């Protein structure tokens, strides 16, 4: 087992990009063979294939970073929309609770 430490814990969107947007991955080492937990990438390997697998992972990280940067505006807008929707729901719940308290 080997692991690579990332500089930060990736977002759910980045993880999805890491797993789903790779082009022509090795049949012996698909992206799903890598477990992402917190800021660690873990994968099974032997000493002879560590360098090759690390090179694949470096390419996948770069591709996920590029895709995330390209999607940046859309992702930020989606996060803002979800945050506003959540705030509206909280306000509606508070309003309903206030009405029920008076009964």
Protein backbone atom coordinates (compact mmCIF):
# COMPACT_ATOMS: atom_id res chain seq x y z
CA UNK A 1 0.00 0.00 0.00
CA UNK A 2 1.28 3.46 -0.87
CA UNK A 3 -0.11 6.91 -0.23
CA UNK A 4 0.31 10.41 -1.57
CA UNK A 5 -0.41 13.47 0.56
CA UNK A 6 -2.32 16.26 -1.15
CA UNK A 7 -1.80 19.89 -0.20
CA UNK A 8 -5.44 20.13 0.92
CA UNK A 9 -8.55 17.99 1.27
CA UNK A 10 -10.22 17.92 -2.15
CA UNK A 11 -13.83 18.94 -2.68
CA UNK A 12 -16.48 16.45 -3.73
CA UNK A 13 -16.47 18.07 -7.19
CA UNK A 14 -12.72 17.60 -7.53
CA UNK A 15 -12.98 13.94 -6.47
CA UNK A 16 -15.66 13.37 -9.10
CA UNK A 17 -13.42 14.97 -11.73
CA UNK A 18 -10.45 12.88 -10.58
CA UNK A 19 -12.39 9.65 -10.98
CA UNK A 20 -14.47 10.44 -14.07
CA UNK A 21 -12.53 12.63 -16.49
CA UNK A 22 -9.41 10.58 -17.10
CA UNK A 23 -8.52 9.77 -20.67
CA UNK A 24 -7.25 6.30 -21.55
CA UNK A 25 -6.31 5.10 -18.06
CA UNK A 26 -4.27 1.95 -17.79
CA UNK A 27 -6.50 -1.14 -17.62
CA UNK A 28 -4.19 -2.41 -14.87
CA UNK A 29 -4.63 0.75 -12.79
CA UNK A 30 -7.95 2.59 -13.25
CA UNK A 31 -8.63 5.81 -11.29
CA UNK A 32 -11.10 3.94 -9.06
CA UNK A 33 -8.16 1.89 -7.76
CA UNK A 34 -7.15 5.02 -5.83
CA UNK A 35 -8.92 5.72 -2.54
CA UNK A 36 -9.24 9.38 -1.58
CA UNK A 37 -9.60 9.87 2.16
CA UNK A 38 -9.20 13.37 3.55
CA UNK A 39 -6.02 14.75 2.01
CA UNK A 40 -4.54 11.31 1.26
CA UNK A 41 -4.60 9.24 -1.92
CA UNK A 42 -4.04 5.54 -1.19
CA UNK A 43 -3.42 2.74 -3.66
CA UNK A 44 -2.10 -0.79 -3.77
CA UNK A 45 1.24 -1.30 -5.45
CA UNK A 46 4.46 -3.23 -5.43
CA UNK A 47 7.93 -1.71 -5.47
CA UNK A 48 8.35 -2.28 -9.20
CA UNK A 49 5.24 -0.30 -10.19
CA UNK A 50 5.25 2.59 -7.67
CA UNK A 51 6.90 5.00 -10.10
CA UNK A 52 4.51 4.20 -12.98
CA UNK A 53 1.42 4.41 -10.76
CA UNK A 54 2.59 7.67 -9.23
CA UNK A 55 3.06 9.08 -12.75
CA UNK A 56 -0.54 8.08 -13.61
CA UNK A 57 -1.83 9.72 -10.44
CA UNK A 58 0.14 12.91 -11.19
CA UNK A 59 -1.52 13.09 -14.62
CA UNK A 60 -4.97 12.45 -13.11
CA UNK A 61 -4.45 15.15 -10.48
CA UNK A 62 -3.36 17.62 -13.17
CA UNK A 63 -6.37 16.79 -15.33
CA UNK A 64 -8.79 17.11 -12.38
CA UNK A 65 -7.18 20.47 -11.48
CA UNK A 66 -7.54 21.70 -15.07
CA UNK A 67 -11.17 20.60 -15.30
CA UNK A 68 -11.99 22.14 -11.93
CA UNK A 69 -10.38 25.45 -12.98
CA UNK A 70 -12.34 25.39 -16.25
CA UNK A 71 -15.55 24.74 -14.33
CA UNK A 72 -14.69 27.24 -11.60
CA UNK A 73 -17.28 29.84 -12.51
CA UNK A 74 -20.07 27.28 -12.82
CA UNK A 75 -19.14 25.56 -9.56
CA UNK A 76 -18.94 28.86 -7.67
CA UNK A 77 -22.34 29.90 -9.04
CA UNK A 78 -23.85 26.54 -8.09
CA UNK A 79 -22.44 26.78 -4.55
CA UNK A 80 -23.82 30.33 -4.20
CA UNK A 81 -27.25 29.19 -5.44
CA UNK A 82 -27.30 26.24 -3.01
CA UNK A 83 -26.26 28.50 -0.13
CA UNK A 84 -29.05 30.99 -0.96
CA UNK A 85 -31.59 28.18 -1.26
CA UNK A 86 -30.51 26.81 2.11
CA UNK A 87 -30.88 30.27 3.68
CA UNK A 88 -34.39 30.64 2.22
CA UNK A 89 -35.37 27.24 3.61
CA UNK A 90 -34.03 28.19 7.04
CA UNK A 91 -36.01 31.45 6.97
CA UNK A 92 -39.20 29.61 5.97
CA UNK A 93 -38.71 27.10 8.79
CA UNK A 94 -38.11 29.88 11.31
CA UNK A 95 -41.26 31.64 10.12
CA UNK A 96 -43.33 28.44 10.37
CA UNK A 97 -41.96 27.70 13.83
CA UNK A 98 -42.85 31.20 14.98
CA UNK A 99 -46.44 30.76 13.73
CA UNK A 100 -46.77 27.35 15.43
CA UNK A 101 -45.48 28.72 18.74
CA UNK A 102 -48.48 31.04 18.95
CA UNK A 103 -51.04 28.22 18.71
